[in-house]
Every structure is written in C-alpha cells, then in structure tokens.
Amino acid sequence: LAFHDAVCRLSGNARLHEVFARYVPMLRALLHVDERMQESLAVVAEQHRPIVDAIEAGDVDAAIEHAEAHCDQAGELIAGYLRSLPERNEEDR
C-alpha cells in the first residue's frame, strides 16, 4: 500500500491520490482478514517491477498499461476472494 501511495502522490495528481486514499482502509481490512490475499513480499515486488521500470524509462504508455493490468489483477484477486466466501442467507444479514 505504501508503494501505491507514493506513486499516487508523486504523480502530482491530487484527485488520484484522494481516490486511492479513500480505498486504503478497505484494502487494509481485506489484507488483514485473509492472508490468502497477500503473497510473499518478493512476489508483490516483482508484480510492481514493470510499472517501476516504465516510470524510470519515462514510458508513459507502458506505465499506464502495466498499472492498469496490475489493477485488473488485484481486482480479480479481491473478487475471487469475495466469491469464495460462503453465501449468507437473509436471516444472517
């Protein structure tokens, strides 16, 4: 989360950082709820490497492409986790 926060802040786009910051509590809660949501730090770092490389190279299009792919992958991970939860019936809600 710190990496994402730094990238958002360093982008200079206040709106981007604001939107990201709004979701941090939910993301943090999801990460604490189920350890399956977290991979090893080395795997997570490797997933971010293409984004960092593109930023360092000044390749905006590649940075966008890799960031979008990473967000899609993270979204699928979260959606898969939520789909794996047992359904609750109306009485449990």
C-alpha atoms as a PDB file:
ATOM      1  CA  LEU A   1       0.000   0.000   0.000  1.00  0.00           C
ATOM      2  CA  ALA A   2       2.910   2.343   0.697  1.00  0.00           C
ATOM      3  CA  PHE A   3       4.188   1.842  -2.852  1.00  0.00           C
ATOM      4  CA  HIS A   4       0.795   2.738  -4.303  1.00  0.00           C
ATOM      5  CA  ASP A   5       0.513   5.755  -2.022  1.00  0.00           C
ATOM      6  CA  ALA A   6       3.933   7.009  -3.121  1.00  0.00           C
ATOM      7  CA  VAL A   7       3.177   6.551  -6.823  1.00  0.00           C
ATOM      8  CA  CYS A   8      -0.129   8.389  -6.451  1.00  0.00           C
ATOM      9  CA  ARG A   9       1.481  11.252  -4.528  1.00  0.00           C
ATOM     10  CA  LEU A  10       4.462  11.515  -6.878  1.00  0.00           C
ATOM     11  CA  SER A  11       2.148  11.625  -9.892  1.00  0.00           C
ATOM     12  CA  GLY A  12       1.164  15.121  -8.830  1.00  0.00           C
ATOM     13  CA  ASN A  13      -2.466  14.204  -9.412  1.00  0.00           C
ATOM     14  CA  ALA A  14      -4.257  15.149  -6.202  1.00  0.00           C
ATOM     15  CA  ARG A  15      -7.508  13.542  -7.347  1.00  0.00           C
ATOM     16  CA  LEU A  16      -5.764  10.209  -7.992  1.00  0.00           C
ATOM     17  CA  HIS A  17      -4.209  10.270  -4.543  1.00  0.00           C
ATOM     18  CA  GLU A  18      -7.538  11.223  -2.963  1.00  0.00           C
ATOM     19  CA  VAL A  19      -9.341   8.310  -4.623  1.00  0.00           C
ATOM     20  CA  PHE A  20      -6.596   5.872  -3.649  1.00  0.00           C
ATOM     21  CA  ALA A  21      -6.548   7.115  -0.043  1.00  0.00           C
ATOM     22  CA  ARG A  22     -10.313   6.625   0.174  1.00  0.00           C
ATOM     23  CA  TYR A  23      -9.889   2.893  -0.517  1.00  0.00           C
ATOM     24  CA  VAL A  24      -6.878   2.238   1.711  1.00  0.00           C
ATOM     25  CA  PRO A  25      -8.924   1.310   4.822  1.00  0.00           C
ATOM     26  CA  MET A  26     -10.949  -1.240   2.831  1.00  0.00           C
ATOM     27  CA  LEU A  27      -7.838  -2.682   1.200  1.00  0.00           C
ATOM     28  CA  ARG A  28      -6.038  -2.875   4.541  1.00  0.00           C
ATOM     29  CA  ALA A  29      -9.035  -4.639   6.090  1.00  0.00           C
ATOM     30  CA  LEU A  30      -9.177  -7.161   3.250  1.00  0.00           C
ATOM     31  CA  LEU A  31      -5.466  -7.872   3.600  1.00  0.00           C
ATOM     32  CA  HIS A  32      -5.864  -8.446   7.340  1.00  0.00           C
ATOM     33  CA  VAL A  33      -8.990 -10.571   7.018  1.00  0.00           C
ATOM     34  CA  ASP A  34      -7.443 -13.238   4.856  1.00  0.00           C
ATOM     35  CA  GLU A  35      -3.763 -13.992   4.417  1.00  0.00           C
ATOM     36  CA  ARG A  36      -4.511 -15.623   1.068  1.00  0.00           C
ATOM     37  CA  MET A  37      -4.920 -12.080  -0.242  1.00  0.00           C
ATOM     38  CA  GLN A  38      -1.236 -11.435   0.421  1.00  0.00           C
ATOM     39  CA  GLU A  39       1.527 -13.073  -1.496  1.00  0.00           C
ATOM     40  CA  SER A  40       5.151 -13.003  -0.420  1.00  0.00           C
ATOM     41  CA  LEU A  41       6.786  -9.602  -0.436  1.00  0.00           C
ATOM     42  CA  ALA A  42       9.151 -10.772  -3.188  1.00  0.00           C
ATOM     43  CA  VAL A  43       6.211 -11.767  -5.416  1.00  0.00           C
ATOM     44  CA  VAL A  44       4.450  -8.474  -4.757  1.00  0.00           C
ATOM     45  CA  ALA A  45       7.622  -6.523  -5.548  1.00  0.00           C
ATOM     46  CA  GLU A  46       8.068  -8.461  -8.784  1.00  0.00           C
ATOM     47  CA  GLN A  47       4.477  -7.657  -9.799  1.00  0.00           C
ATOM     48  CA  HIS A  48       5.288  -3.957  -9.464  1.00  0.00           C
ATOM     49  CA  ARG A  49       8.626  -4.116 -11.300  1.00  0.00           C
ATOM     50  CA  PRO A  50       7.196  -3.465 -14.819  1.00  0.00           C
ATOM     51  CA  ILE A  51       5.430  -0.350 -13.525  1.00  0.00           C
ATOM     52  CA  VAL A  52       8.599   0.985 -11.893  1.00  0.00           C
ATOM     53  CA  ASP A  53      10.699   0.173 -14.958  1.00  0.00           C
ATOM     54  CA  ALA A  54       8.280   2.021 -17.242  1.00  0.00           C
ATOM     55  CA  ILE A  55       8.207   5.045 -14.929  1.00  0.00           C
ATOM     56  CA  GLU A  56      12.010   5.103 -14.720  1.00  0.00           C
ATOM     57  CA  ALA A  57      12.231   4.865 -18.520  1.00  0.00           C
ATOM     58  CA  GLY A  58       9.768   7.724 -18.908  1.00  0.00           C
ATOM     59  CA  ASP A  59       7.485   5.459 -20.959  1.00  0.00           C
ATOM     60  CA  VAL A  60       4.068   6.833 -20.035  1.00  0.00           C
ATOM     61  CA  ASP A  61       2.114   4.439 -22.254  1.00  0.00           C
ATOM     62  CA  ALA A  62       3.871   1.373 -20.822  1.00  0.00           C
ATOM     63  CA  ALA A  63       3.440   2.673 -17.261  1.00  0.00           C
ATOM     64  CA  ILE A  64      -0.277   3.116 -17.856  1.00  0.00           C
ATOM     65  CA  GLU A  65      -0.574  -0.314 -19.450  1.00  0.00           C
ATOM     66  CA  HIS A  66       1.255  -2.055 -16.607  1.00  0.00           C
ATOM     67  CA  ALA A  67      -0.613  -0.101 -13.907  1.00  0.00           C
ATOM     68  CA  GLU A  68      -3.974  -0.946 -15.473  1.00  0.00           C
ATOM     69  CA  ALA A  69      -3.028  -4.618 -15.772  1.00  0.00           C
ATOM     70  CA  HIS A  70      -1.928  -4.619 -12.125  1.00  0.00           C
ATOM     71  CA  CYS A  71      -5.208  -3.019 -11.019  1.00  0.00           C
ATOM     72  CA  ASP A  72      -7.183  -5.552 -13.059  1.00  0.00           C
ATOM     73  CA  GLN A  73      -5.203  -8.405 -11.494  1.00  0.00           C
ATOM     74  CA  ALA A  74      -5.736  -7.013  -7.985  1.00  0.00           C
ATOM     75  CA  GLY A  75      -9.445  -6.558  -8.680  1.00  0.00           C
ATOM     76  CA  GLU A  76      -9.732 -10.154  -9.830  1.00  0.00           C
ATOM     77  CA  LEU A  77      -7.904 -11.333  -6.706  1.00  0.00           C
ATOM     78  CA  ILE A  78     -10.333  -9.445  -4.478  1.00  0.00           C
ATOM     79  CA  ALA A  79     -13.386 -10.526  -6.494  1.00  0.00           C
ATOM     80  CA  GLY A  80     -12.223 -14.153  -6.391  1.00  0.00           C
ATOM     81  CA  TYR A  81     -11.784 -13.921  -2.644  1.00  0.00           C
ATOM     82  CA  LEU A  82     -15.262 -12.453  -2.185  1.00  0.00           C
ATOM     83  CA  ARG A  83     -16.785 -15.129  -4.434  1.00  0.00           C
ATOM     84  CA  SER A  84     -15.092 -17.808  -2.311  1.00  0.00           C
ATOM     85  CA  LEU A  85     -16.866 -16.677   0.845  1.00  0.00           C
ATOM     86  CA  PRO A  86     -19.837 -18.773   1.898  1.00  0.00           C
ATOM     87  CA  GLU A  87     -23.142 -17.206   0.944  1.00  0.00           C
ATOM     88  CA  ARG A  88     -25.139 -15.778   3.788  1.00  0.00           C
ATOM     89  CA  ASN A  89     -28.863 -16.245   3.824  1.00  0.00           C
ATOM     90  CA  GLU A  90     -31.293 -13.416   4.514  1.00  0.00           C
ATOM     91  CA  GLU A  91     -31.524 -14.338   8.208  1.00  0.00           C
ATOM     92  CA  ASP A  92     -27.775 -13.806   8.666  1.00  0.00           C
ATOM     93  CA  ARG A  93     -27.799 -10.284   7.189  1.00  0.00           C
END
